[in-house]
């Protein structure tokens, strides 16, 4: 027999109780993760702490704190929503953490979760000299999490952030204003490079739509709650990636680098261009499918990329 809400209210009292209970419910309901958390326990802790207006790094000392009846009901309601609506937790809290920074998110943008955050925290070392980075371009910016994190990492650089979606740019502006970076981050509505002046960048970074249509259809419900435009990369998953590879040569400085996340389409890309020396980056905190090419390599293989686009 399933436990009722009233039974939970009376039998569970502490913060620890509700985190454990929520994790059990998530596991029982086969909730899908991958939007900032990877386990039922982590997701439970994130949602419970947010509901109680507590920080994610709350000391374990407070786990035995007793919740008021009102707080218990609020937690129960939040956990019910996560299970019944099958939307990412970040849409319930309207917050996602990326590169140690807080971002506002809602259903207009994908939830930030790219391993590129780790590269930004390392200031793309050893591939660039930090003090020599003057301009950065973030293509398919979404919430602007990559662009804003880059602006923090390279305080003297200018960052251009591009997206085709006007709705995504509305969220991006909220985040630029939130972080008070309007002088450093400029938002552009553009289909990749289409509406950009030909400016050369030291770093071009992109987390574009790269999921092939067949894979997208099979994704769990939580992913279908996000904007499909942020996922669909065409039949192969590489439609936008190929366009970036073709056009990036005109926008990179001589010592510039191109970094693109292609996720599950990495094998497809590598098999299509067997002679191209994509450097596949490794991440200590997990994640894969991100490659790096130097400006010299982008230019050297431009004709090959152009042929594939045709």
C-alpha atoms as a PDB file:
ATOM      1  CA  UNK A   1       0.000   0.000   0.000  1.00  0.00           C
ATOM      2  CA  UNK A   2       1.356   3.410  -0.958  1.00  0.00           C
ATOM      3  CA  UNK A   3       1.982   5.966   1.743  1.00  0.00           C
ATOM      4  CA  UNK A   4      -0.482   8.872   1.662  1.00  0.00           C
ATOM      5  CA  UNK A   5       0.440  12.537   1.908  1.00  0.00           C
ATOM      6  CA  UNK A   6      -1.052  12.776   5.407  1.00  0.00           C
ATOM      7  CA  UNK A   7       1.017   9.801   6.587  1.00  0.00           C
ATOM      8  CA  UNK A   8       4.185  11.401   5.220  1.00  0.00           C
ATOM      9  CA  UNK A   9       3.351  14.649   7.010  1.00  0.00           C
ATOM     10  CA  UNK A  10       3.047  12.920  10.357  1.00  0.00           C
ATOM     11  CA  UNK A  11       5.774  10.271  10.129  1.00  0.00           C
ATOM     12  CA  UNK A  12       8.585  12.177   8.402  1.00  0.00           C
ATOM     13  CA  UNK A  13       9.917  15.168  10.278  1.00  0.00           C
ATOM     14  CA  UNK A  14      13.534  16.033   9.444  1.00  0.00           C
ATOM     15  CA  UNK A  15      15.308  17.412   6.408  1.00  0.00           C
ATOM     16  CA  UNK A  16      17.126  14.090   6.102  1.00  0.00           C
ATOM     17  CA  UNK A  17      13.806  12.232   6.139  1.00  0.00           C
ATOM     18  CA  UNK A  18      12.402  14.215   3.222  1.00  0.00           C
ATOM     19  CA  UNK A  19      15.531  13.958   1.084  1.00  0.00           C
ATOM     20  CA  UNK A  20      15.600  10.190   1.578  1.00  0.00           C
ATOM     21  CA  UNK A  21      11.861   9.903   0.932  1.00  0.00           C
ATOM     22  CA  UNK A  22      12.028  11.994  -2.220  1.00  0.00           C
ATOM     23  CA  UNK A  23      14.939   9.932  -3.561  1.00  0.00           C
ATOM     24  CA  UNK A  24      12.959   6.747  -2.983  1.00  0.00           C
ATOM     25  CA  UNK A  25       9.936   8.167  -4.784  1.00  0.00           C
ATOM     26  CA  UNK A  26      12.066   9.246  -7.756  1.00  0.00           C
ATOM     27  CA  UNK A  27      13.565   5.777  -8.018  1.00  0.00           C
ATOM     28  CA  UNK A  28      10.167   4.097  -7.739  1.00  0.00           C
ATOM     29  CA  UNK A  29       8.703   6.392 -10.413  1.00  0.00           C
ATOM     30  CA  UNK A  30      11.720   5.848 -12.706  1.00  0.00           C
ATOM     31  CA  UNK A  31      12.329   9.548 -13.056  1.00  0.00           C
ATOM     32  CA  UNK A  32      15.015  10.429 -15.603  1.00  0.00           C
ATOM     33  CA  UNK A  33      17.958  12.622 -14.589  1.00  0.00           C
ATOM     34  CA  UNK A  34      20.710  14.392 -16.499  1.00  0.00           C
ATOM     35  CA  UNK A  35      19.823  18.071 -16.101  1.00  0.00           C
ATOM     36  CA  UNK A  36      22.385  19.003 -13.507  1.00  0.00           C
ATOM     37  CA  UNK A  37      22.047  15.934 -11.307  1.00  0.00           C
ATOM     38  CA  UNK A  38      22.760  12.297 -12.095  1.00  0.00           C
ATOM     39  CA  UNK A  39      21.212  10.384  -9.197  1.00  0.00           C
ATOM     40  CA  UNK A  40      17.882  10.270  -7.374  1.00  0.00           C
ATOM     41  CA  UNK A  41      19.548  11.344  -4.127  1.00  0.00           C
ATOM     42  CA  UNK A  42      21.244  14.376  -5.655  1.00  0.00           C
ATOM     43  CA  UNK A  43      18.023  15.464  -7.358  1.00  0.00           C
ATOM     44  CA  UNK A  44      16.068  14.988  -4.142  1.00  0.00           C
ATOM     45  CA  UNK A  45      18.547  17.076  -2.163  1.00  0.00           C
ATOM     46  CA  UNK A  46      18.506  19.840  -4.772  1.00  0.00           C
ATOM     47  CA  UNK A  47      14.713  20.092  -4.876  1.00  0.00           C
ATOM     48  CA  UNK A  48      14.148  19.781  -1.141  1.00  0.00           C
ATOM     49  CA  UNK A  49      16.788  22.383  -0.297  1.00  0.00           C
ATOM     50  CA  UNK A  50      15.462  24.782  -2.924  1.00  0.00           C
ATOM     51  CA  UNK A  51      11.909  24.409  -1.630  1.00  0.00           C
ATOM     52  CA  UNK A  52      13.112  25.259   1.867  1.00  0.00           C
ATOM     53  CA  UNK A  53      15.138  28.251   0.587  1.00  0.00           C
ATOM     54  CA  UNK A  54      18.393  26.675   1.676  1.00  0.00           C
ATOM     55  CA  UNK A  55      21.748  26.628  -0.179  1.00  0.00           C
ATOM     56  CA  UNK A  56      22.851  23.530  -2.057  1.00  0.00           C
ATOM     57  CA  UNK A  57      25.970  23.295   0.110  1.00  0.00           C
ATOM     58  CA  UNK A  58      24.061  23.320   3.406  1.00  0.00           C
ATOM     59  CA  UNK A  59      26.092  21.744   6.189  1.00  0.00           C
ATOM     60  CA  UNK A  60      25.212  18.174   7.175  1.00  0.00           C
ATOM     61  CA  UNK A  61      24.689  19.559  10.671  1.00  0.00           C
ATOM     62  CA  UNK A  62      21.254  20.780   9.612  1.00  0.00           C
ATOM     63  CA  UNK A  63      20.014  17.470   8.216  1.00  0.00           C
ATOM     64  CA  UNK A  64      18.340  16.636  11.516  1.00  0.00           C
ATOM     65  CA  UNK A  65      16.446  19.927  11.555  1.00  0.00           C
ATOM     66  CA  UNK A  66      12.681  19.412  11.845  1.00  0.00           C
ATOM     67  CA  UNK A  67      10.426  20.865   9.187  1.00  0.00           C
ATOM     68  CA  UNK A  68       7.238  22.704  10.002  1.00  0.00           C
ATOM     69  CA  UNK A  69       4.000  21.213   8.711  1.00  0.00           C
ATOM     70  CA  UNK A  70       3.833  23.956   6.073  1.00  0.00           C
ATOM     71  CA  UNK A  71       7.371  23.175   4.907  1.00  0.00           C
ATOM     72  CA  UNK A  72       6.617  19.455   4.756  1.00  0.00           C
ATOM     73  CA  UNK A  73       3.580  20.057   2.548  1.00  0.00           C
ATOM     74  CA  UNK A  74       5.572  22.352   0.241  1.00  0.00           C
ATOM     75  CA  UNK A  75       8.242  19.671  -0.183  1.00  0.00           C
ATOM     76  CA  UNK A  76       5.615  16.993  -0.872  1.00  0.00           C
ATOM     77  CA  UNK A  77       3.964  19.215  -3.486  1.00  0.00           C
ATOM     78  CA  UNK A  78       7.285  19.888  -5.199  1.00  0.00           C
ATOM     79  CA  UNK A  79       8.217  16.204  -5.342  1.00  0.00           C
ATOM     80  CA  UNK A  80       4.764  15.358  -6.708  1.00  0.00           C
ATOM     81  CA  UNK A  81       5.181  17.939  -9.469  1.00  0.00           C
ATOM     82  CA  UNK A  82       8.593  16.553 -10.448  1.00  0.00           C
ATOM     83  CA  UNK A  83       7.158  13.058 -10.781  1.00  0.00           C
ATOM     84  CA  UNK A  84       3.795  13.856 -12.338  1.00  0.00           C
ATOM     85  CA  UNK A  85       4.865  16.528 -14.809  1.00  0.00           C
ATOM     86  CA  UNK A  86       8.188  14.922 -15.809  1.00  0.00           C
ATOM     87  CA  UNK A  87       9.925  18.207 -16.375  1.00  0.00           C
ATOM     88  CA  UNK A  88      13.548  18.933 -15.405  1.00  0.00           C
ATOM     89  CA  UNK A  89      14.038  20.064 -11.831  1.00  0.00           C
ATOM     90  CA  UNK A  90      15.668  23.272 -13.072  1.00  0.00           C
ATOM     91  CA  UNK A  91      12.358  24.345 -14.599  1.00  0.00           C
ATOM     92  CA  UNK A  92      10.690  23.913 -11.221  1.00  0.00           C
ATOM     93  CA  UNK A  93      13.341  25.932  -9.394  1.00  0.00           C
ATOM     94  CA  UNK A  94      14.104  28.288 -12.312  1.00  0.00           C
ATOM     95  CA  UNK A  95      17.778  27.910 -11.509  1.00  0.00           C
ATOM     96  CA  UNK A  96      20.712  25.972 -12.910  1.00  0.00           C
ATOM     97  CA  UNK A  97      24.334  26.013 -11.774  1.00  0.00           C
ATOM     98  CA  UNK A  98      26.945  26.158 -14.527  1.00  0.00           C
ATOM     99  CA  UNK A  99      30.673  26.727 -13.981  1.00  0.00           C
ATOM    100  CA  UNK A 100      29.844  27.572 -10.373  1.00  0.00           C
ATOM    101  CA  UNK A 101      27.459  30.344 -11.436  1.00  0.00           C
ATOM    102  CA  UNK A 102      23.693  30.618 -11.013  1.00  0.00           C
ATOM    103  CA  UNK A 103      21.494  31.036 -14.093  1.00  0.00           C
ATOM    104  CA  UNK A 104      17.796  31.631 -14.546  1.00  0.00           C
ATOM    105  CA  UNK A 105      16.192  28.991 -16.779  1.00  0.00           C
ATOM    106  CA  UNK A 106      12.726  28.112 -17.986  1.00  0.00           C
ATOM    107  CA  UNK A 107      11.128  26.159 -20.826  1.00  0.00           C
ATOM    108  CA  UNK A 108      12.487  28.605 -23.441  1.00  0.00           C
ATOM    109  CA  UNK A 109      16.033  27.240 -23.140  1.00  0.00           C
ATOM    110  CA  UNK A 110      17.835  23.972 -22.574  1.00  0.00           C
ATOM    111  CA  UNK A 111      18.967  23.369 -19.017  1.00  0.00           C
ATOM    112  CA  UNK A 112      22.719  24.182 -18.795  1.00  0.00           C
ATOM    113  CA  UNK A 113      24.753  21.012 -18.276  1.00  0.00           C
ATOM    114  CA  UNK A 114      27.578  21.028 -20.822  1.00  0.00           C
ATOM    115  CA  UNK A 115      31.021  19.698 -19.816  1.00  0.00           C
ATOM    116  CA  UNK A 116      32.381  22.806 -21.549  1.00  0.00           C
ATOM    117  CA  UNK A 117      31.980  24.437 -18.118  1.00  0.00           C
ATOM    118  CA  UNK A 118      35.117  22.608 -17.042  1.00  0.00           C
ATOM    119  CA  UNK A 119      37.096  24.045 -19.962  1.00  0.00           C
ATOM    120  CA  UNK A 120      35.954  27.567 -19.132  1.00  0.00           C
ATOM    121  CA  UNK A 121      36.982  27.168 -15.500  1.00  0.00           C
ATOM    122  CA  UNK A 122      40.434  26.156 -16.797  1.00  0.00           C
ATOM    123  CA  UNK A 123      40.386  29.186 -19.150  1.00  0.00           C
ATOM    124  CA  UNK A 124      40.837  26.802 -22.069  1.00  0.00           C
ATOM    125  CA  UNK A 125      44.409  26.075 -21.004  1.00  0.00           C
ATOM    126  CA  UNK A 126      46.749  25.051 -22.503  1.00  0.00           C
ATOM    127  CA  UNK A 127      45.166  25.971 -25.826  1.00  0.00           C
ATOM    128  CA  UNK A 128      45.171  29.742 -25.414  1.00  0.00           C
ATOM    129  CA  UNK A 129      47.106  32.326 -23.432  1.00  0.00           C
ATOM    130  CA  UNK A 130      44.602  33.952 -21.075  1.00  0.00           C
ATOM    131  CA  UNK A 131      46.002  37.474 -21.408  1.00  0.00           C
ATOM    132  CA  UNK A 132      45.900  37.284 -25.213  1.00  0.00           C
ATOM    133  CA  UNK A 133      42.185  36.450 -25.466  1.00  0.00           C
ATOM    134  CA  UNK A 134      40.334  39.564 -26.617  1.00  0.00           C
ATOM    135  CA  UNK A 135      37.175  38.271 -28.312  1.00  0.00           C
ATOM    136  CA  UNK A 136      35.051  35.143 -27.759  1.00  0.00           C
ATOM    137  CA  UNK A 137      32.064  33.903 -29.764  1.00  0.00           C
ATOM    138  CA  UNK A 138      29.408  31.616 -28.300  1.00  0.00           C
ATOM    139  CA  UNK A 139      27.168  30.117 -30.983  1.00  0.00           C
ATOM    140  CA  UNK A 140      23.740  28.728 -29.996  1.00  0.00           C
ATOM    141  CA  UNK A 141      24.002  30.475 -26.651  1.00  0.00           C
ATOM    142  CA  UNK A 142      20.592  29.536 -25.202  1.00  0.00           C
ATOM    143  CA  UNK A 143      20.574  30.828 -21.623  1.00  0.00           C
ATOM    144  CA  UNK A 144      23.957  32.505 -22.284  1.00  0.00           C
ATOM    145  CA  UNK A 145      25.575  30.323 -19.615  1.00  0.00           C
ATOM    146  CA  UNK A 146      28.685  29.646 -21.719  1.00  0.00           C
ATOM    147  CA  UNK A 147      29.018  33.276 -22.801  1.00  0.00           C
ATOM    148  CA  UNK A 148      28.617  34.618 -19.264  1.00  0.00           C
ATOM    149  CA  UNK A 149      30.994  32.060 -17.761  1.00  0.00           C
ATOM    150  CA  UNK A 150      33.546  33.053 -20.417  1.00  0.00           C
ATOM    151  CA  UNK A 151      33.101  36.723 -19.506  1.00  0.00           C
ATOM    152  CA  UNK A 152      33.950  35.887 -15.895  1.00  0.00           C
ATOM    153  CA  UNK A 153      36.933  33.743 -16.906  1.00  0.00           C
ATOM    154  CA  UNK A 154      38.335  36.353 -19.302  1.00  0.00           C
ATOM    155  CA  UNK A 155      37.554  39.631 -17.593  1.00  0.00           C
ATOM    156  CA  UNK A 156      39.183  41.768 -20.307  1.00  0.00           C
ATOM    157  CA  UNK A 157      37.569  40.012 -23.271  1.00  0.00           C
ATOM    158  CA  UNK A 158      34.435  40.865 -25.224  1.00  0.00           C
ATOM    159  CA  UNK A 159      31.947  38.055 -25.746  1.00  0.00           C
ATOM    160  CA  UNK A 160      29.389  37.808 -28.550  1.00  0.00           C
ATOM    161  CA  UNK A 161      26.525  35.396 -27.860  1.00  0.00           C
ATOM    162  CA  UNK A 162      24.377  34.194 -30.770  1.00  0.00           C
ATOM    163  CA  UNK A 163      21.057  32.401 -30.983  1.00  0.00           C
ATOM    164  CA  UNK A 164      18.337  32.098 -33.595  1.00  0.00           C
ATOM    165  CA  UNK A 165      15.550  31.828 -31.020  1.00  0.00           C
ATOM    166  CA  UNK A 166      14.107  35.141 -29.816  1.00  0.00           C
ATOM    167  CA  UNK A 167      12.679  33.345 -26.785  1.00  0.00           C
ATOM    168  CA  UNK A 168      16.091  31.975 -25.834  1.00  0.00           C
ATOM    169  CA  UNK A 169      17.592  35.452 -26.195  1.00  0.00           C
ATOM    170  CA  UNK A 170      14.971  36.791 -23.784  1.00  0.00           C
ATOM    171  CA  UNK A 171      16.271  34.363 -21.172  1.00  0.00           C
ATOM    172  CA  UNK A 172      19.860  35.162 -22.132  1.00  0.00           C
ATOM    173  CA  UNK A 173      19.201  38.860 -21.506  1.00  0.00           C
ATOM    174  CA  UNK A 174      17.778  38.083 -18.090  1.00  0.00           C
ATOM    175  CA  UNK A 175      21.016  36.310 -17.235  1.00  0.00           C
ATOM    176  CA  UNK A 176      23.275  38.998 -18.691  1.00  0.00           C
ATOM    177  CA  UNK A 177      21.422  41.570 -16.593  1.00  0.00           C
ATOM    178  CA  UNK A 178      21.473  39.312 -13.542  1.00  0.00           C
ATOM    179  CA  UNK A 179      25.263  39.080 -13.730  1.00  0.00           C
ATOM    180  CA  UNK A 180      25.628  42.760 -14.695  1.00  0.00           C
ATOM    181  CA  UNK A 181      27.664  41.920 -17.782  1.00  0.00           C
ATOM    182  CA  UNK A 182      25.955  44.017 -20.462  1.00  0.00           C
ATOM    183  CA  UNK A 183      29.264  45.787 -21.147  1.00  0.00           C
ATOM    184  CA  UNK A 184      31.063  42.486 -21.755  1.00  0.00           C
ATOM    185  CA  UNK A 185      28.438  40.226 -23.370  1.00  0.00           C
ATOM    186  CA  UNK A 186      26.560  41.270 -26.518  1.00  0.00           C
ATOM    187  CA  UNK A 187      23.555  39.237 -27.648  1.00  0.00           C
ATOM    188  CA  UNK A 188      22.827  38.698 -31.351  1.00  0.00           C
ATOM    189  CA  UNK A 189      19.859  37.111 -33.064  1.00  0.00           C
ATOM    190  CA  UNK A 190      21.390  35.225 -35.937  1.00  0.00           C
ATOM    191  CA  UNK A 191      21.345  31.903 -37.739  1.00  0.00           C
ATOM    192  CA  UNK A 192      24.896  31.039 -36.696  1.00  0.00           C
ATOM    193  CA  UNK A 193      27.235  33.508 -38.456  1.00  0.00           C
ATOM    194  CA  UNK A 194      24.590  34.872 -40.837  1.00  0.00           C
ATOM    195  CA  UNK A 195      23.920  38.272 -39.202  1.00  0.00           C
ATOM    196  CA  UNK A 196      27.361  38.751 -37.691  1.00  0.00           C
ATOM    197  CA  UNK A 197      29.969  41.144 -39.071  1.00  0.00           C
ATOM    198  CA  UNK A 198      33.179  39.387 -40.066  1.00  0.00           C
ATOM    199  CA  UNK A 199      35.033  39.795 -36.772  1.00  0.00           C
ATOM    200  CA  UNK A 200      37.825  37.454 -35.790  1.00  0.00           C
ATOM    201  CA  UNK A 201      37.700  35.640 -32.478  1.00  0.00           C
ATOM    202  CA  UNK A 202      40.354  34.014 -30.344  1.00  0.00           C
ATOM    203  CA  UNK A 203      37.837  31.410 -29.183  1.00  0.00           C
ATOM    204  CA  UNK A 204      34.712  30.162 -30.913  1.00  0.00           C
ATOM    205  CA  UNK A 205      32.745  27.815 -28.685  1.00  0.00           C
ATOM    206  CA  UNK A 206      29.432  26.138 -29.381  1.00  0.00           C
ATOM    207  CA  UNK A 207      27.014  23.648 -27.896  1.00  0.00           C
ATOM    208  CA  UNK A 208      24.688  23.429 -30.913  1.00  0.00           C
ATOM    209  CA  UNK A 209      21.755  21.080 -31.548  1.00  0.00           C
ATOM    210  CA  UNK A 210      23.436  17.759 -32.335  1.00  0.00           C
ATOM    211  CA  UNK A 211      20.900  15.002 -31.661  1.00  0.00           C
ATOM    212  CA  UNK A 212      19.792  13.002 -34.690  1.00  0.00           C
ATOM    213  CA  UNK A 213      16.038  12.807 -35.206  1.00  0.00           C
ATOM    214  CA  UNK A 214      15.762   9.115 -34.404  1.00  0.00           C
ATOM    215  CA  UNK A 215      17.609   9.519 -31.114  1.00  0.00           C
ATOM    216  CA  UNK A 216      15.550  12.586 -30.190  1.00  0.00           C
ATOM    217  CA  UNK A 217      12.309  10.614 -30.537  1.00  0.00           C
ATOM    218  CA  UNK A 218      13.569   8.083 -27.985  1.00  0.00           C
ATOM    219  CA  UNK A 219      14.680  10.546 -25.313  1.00  0.00           C
ATOM    220  CA  UNK A 220      12.884  10.419 -21.913  1.00  0.00           C
ATOM    221  CA  UNK A 221       9.968  12.750 -21.228  1.00  0.00           C
ATOM    222  CA  UNK A 222      12.147  15.214 -19.287  1.00  0.00           C
ATOM    223  CA  UNK A 223      14.116  15.978 -22.444  1.00  0.00           C
ATOM    224  CA  UNK A 224      10.961  16.497 -24.479  1.00  0.00           C
ATOM    225  CA  UNK A 225       9.963  19.172 -21.965  1.00  0.00           C
ATOM    226  CA  UNK A 226      12.910  21.206 -23.270  1.00  0.00           C
ATOM    227  CA  UNK A 227      12.734  23.131 -26.577  1.00  0.00           C
ATOM    228  CA  UNK A 228      13.112  20.668 -29.465  1.00  0.00           C
ATOM    229  CA  UNK A 229      15.002  23.330 -31.390  1.00  0.00           C
ATOM    230  CA  UNK A 230      17.862  22.957 -28.937  1.00  0.00           C
ATOM    231  CA  UNK A 231      18.229  19.241 -29.698  1.00  0.00           C
ATOM    232  CA  UNK A 232      17.429  18.480 -33.316  1.00  0.00           C
ATOM    233  CA  UNK A 233      20.477  18.402 -35.546  1.00  0.00           C
ATOM    234  CA  UNK A 234      18.825  16.825 -38.575  1.00  0.00           C
ATOM    235  CA  UNK A 235      18.884  13.241 -39.760  1.00  0.00           C
ATOM    236  CA  UNK A 236      22.557  12.786 -38.878  1.00  0.00           C
ATOM    237  CA  UNK A 237      22.651  15.226 -35.964  1.00  0.00           C
ATOM    238  CA  UNK A 238      25.372  17.222 -37.711  1.00  0.00           C
ATOM    239  CA  UNK A 239      23.467  19.810 -39.763  1.00  0.00           C
ATOM    240  CA  UNK A 240      24.527  22.819 -37.700  1.00  0.00           C
ATOM    241  CA  UNK A 241      27.924  21.381 -36.804  1.00  0.00           C
ATOM    242  CA  UNK A 242      28.870  21.133 -40.487  1.00  0.00           C
ATOM    243  CA  UNK A 243      27.789  24.713 -41.115  1.00  0.00           C
ATOM    244  CA  UNK A 244      29.956  25.926 -38.245  1.00  0.00           C
ATOM    245  CA  UNK A 245      32.943  23.946 -39.523  1.00  0.00           C
ATOM    246  CA  UNK A 246      32.552  25.471 -42.986  1.00  0.00           C
ATOM    247  CA  UNK A 247      32.224  29.103 -41.905  1.00  0.00           C
ATOM    248  CA  UNK A 248      34.440  29.252 -38.811  1.00  0.00           C
ATOM    249  CA  UNK A 249      37.660  29.821 -40.777  1.00  0.00           C
ATOM    250  CA  UNK A 250      36.686  33.426 -41.601  1.00  0.00           C
ATOM    251  CA  UNK A 251      36.006  34.215 -37.956  1.00  0.00           C
ATOM    252  CA  UNK A 252      39.076  32.787 -36.220  1.00  0.00           C
ATOM    253  CA  UNK A 253      42.296  34.626 -35.459  1.00  0.00           C
ATOM    254  CA  UNK A 254      45.539  32.990 -36.580  1.00  0.00           C
ATOM    255  CA  UNK A 255      46.033  31.417 -33.148  1.00  0.00           C
ATOM    256  CA  UNK A 256      42.330  30.915 -32.487  1.00  0.00           C
ATOM    257  CA  UNK A 257      40.579  27.704 -31.476  1.00  0.00           C
ATOM    258  CA  UNK A 258      37.195  26.169 -32.283  1.00  0.00           C
ATOM    259  CA  UNK A 259      35.454  24.053 -29.644  1.00  0.00           C
ATOM    260  CA  UNK A 260      32.175  22.275 -30.394  1.00  0.00           C
ATOM    261  CA  UNK A 261      30.131  19.841 -28.377  1.00  0.00           C
ATOM    262  CA  UNK A 262      28.629  17.108 -30.535  1.00  0.00           C
ATOM    263  CA  UNK A 263      27.748  14.614 -27.803  1.00  0.00           C
ATOM    264  CA  UNK A 264      26.243  11.417 -29.103  1.00  0.00           C
ATOM    265  CA  UNK A 265      27.056  12.411 -32.709  1.00  0.00           C
ATOM    266  CA  UNK A 266      30.813  12.236 -32.097  1.00  0.00           C
ATOM    267  CA  UNK A 267      31.214   8.836 -33.733  1.00  0.00           C
ATOM    268  CA  UNK A 268      29.196   9.949 -36.767  1.00  0.00           C
ATOM    269  CA  UNK A 269      31.369  13.048 -37.171  1.00  0.00           C
ATOM    270  CA  UNK A 270      34.656  11.189 -36.804  1.00  0.00           C
ATOM    271  CA  UNK A 271      33.607   8.471 -39.253  1.00  0.00           C
ATOM    272  CA  UNK A 272      32.565  11.088 -41.808  1.00  0.00           C
ATOM    273  CA  UNK A 273      35.932  12.861 -41.586  1.00  0.00           C
ATOM    274  CA  UNK A 274      38.434  10.092 -40.943  1.00  0.00           C
ATOM    275  CA  UNK A 275      41.399  12.264 -41.946  1.00  0.00           C
ATOM    276  CA  UNK A 276      40.546  15.207 -39.704  1.00  0.00           C
ATOM    277  CA  UNK A 277      42.537  15.199 -36.418  1.00  0.00           C
ATOM    278  CA  UNK A 278      39.698  16.160 -34.085  1.00  0.00           C
ATOM    279  CA  UNK A 279      41.087  16.501 -30.572  1.00  0.00           C
ATOM    280  CA  UNK A 280      38.507  14.911 -28.282  1.00  0.00           C
ATOM    281  CA  UNK A 281      38.698  16.547 -24.881  1.00  0.00           C
ATOM    282  CA  UNK A 282      38.583  14.690 -21.564  1.00  0.00           C
ATOM    283  CA  UNK A 283      36.723  15.884 -18.484  1.00  0.00           C
ATOM    284  CA  UNK A 284      37.398  15.096 -14.842  1.00  0.00           C
ATOM    285  CA  UNK A 285      33.743  15.572 -13.878  1.00  0.00           C
ATOM    286  CA  UNK A 286      32.340  13.460 -16.695  1.00  0.00           C
ATOM    287  CA  UNK A 287      31.030  14.175 -20.154  1.00  0.00           C
ATOM    288  CA  UNK A 288      32.392  13.624 -23.620  1.00  0.00           C
ATOM    289  CA  UNK A 289      31.792  14.400 -27.279  1.00  0.00           C
ATOM    290  CA  UNK A 290      33.552  17.773 -27.282  1.00  0.00           C
ATOM    291  CA  UNK A 291      36.262  18.399 -29.876  1.00  0.00           C
ATOM    292  CA  UNK A 292      38.838  21.101 -30.481  1.00  0.00           C
ATOM    293  CA  UNK A 293      40.409  22.254 -33.734  1.00  0.00           C
ATOM    294  CA  UNK A 294      42.959  25.000 -34.180  1.00  0.00           C
ATOM    295  CA  UNK A 295      42.364  27.795 -36.673  1.00  0.00           C
ATOM    296  CA  UNK A 296      45.068  26.283 -38.855  1.00  0.00           C
ATOM    297  CA  UNK A 297      43.262  22.935 -38.922  1.00  0.00           C
ATOM    298  CA  UNK A 298      39.883  24.548 -39.605  1.00  0.00           C
ATOM    299  CA  UNK A 299      41.349  26.334 -42.622  1.00  0.00           C
ATOM    300  CA  UNK A 300      43.305  23.327 -43.837  1.00  0.00           C
ATOM    301  CA  UNK A 301      40.209  21.109 -43.964  1.00  0.00           C
ATOM    302  CA  UNK A 302      37.761  23.787 -45.080  1.00  0.00           C
ATOM    303  CA  UNK A 303      37.354  22.361 -48.587  1.00  0.00           C
ATOM    304  CA  UNK A 304      36.620  18.922 -47.131  1.00  0.00           C
ATOM    305  CA  UNK A 305      33.988  20.359 -44.778  1.00  0.00           C
ATOM    306  CA  UNK A 306      32.449  22.314 -47.640  1.00  0.00           C
ATOM    307  CA  UNK A 307      32.143  19.173 -49.775  1.00  0.00           C
ATOM    308  CA  UNK A 308      30.344  17.358 -46.952  1.00  0.00           C
ATOM    309  CA  UNK A 309      27.915  20.244 -46.561  1.00  0.00           C
ATOM    310  CA  UNK A 310      26.987  20.026 -50.232  1.00  0.00           C
END
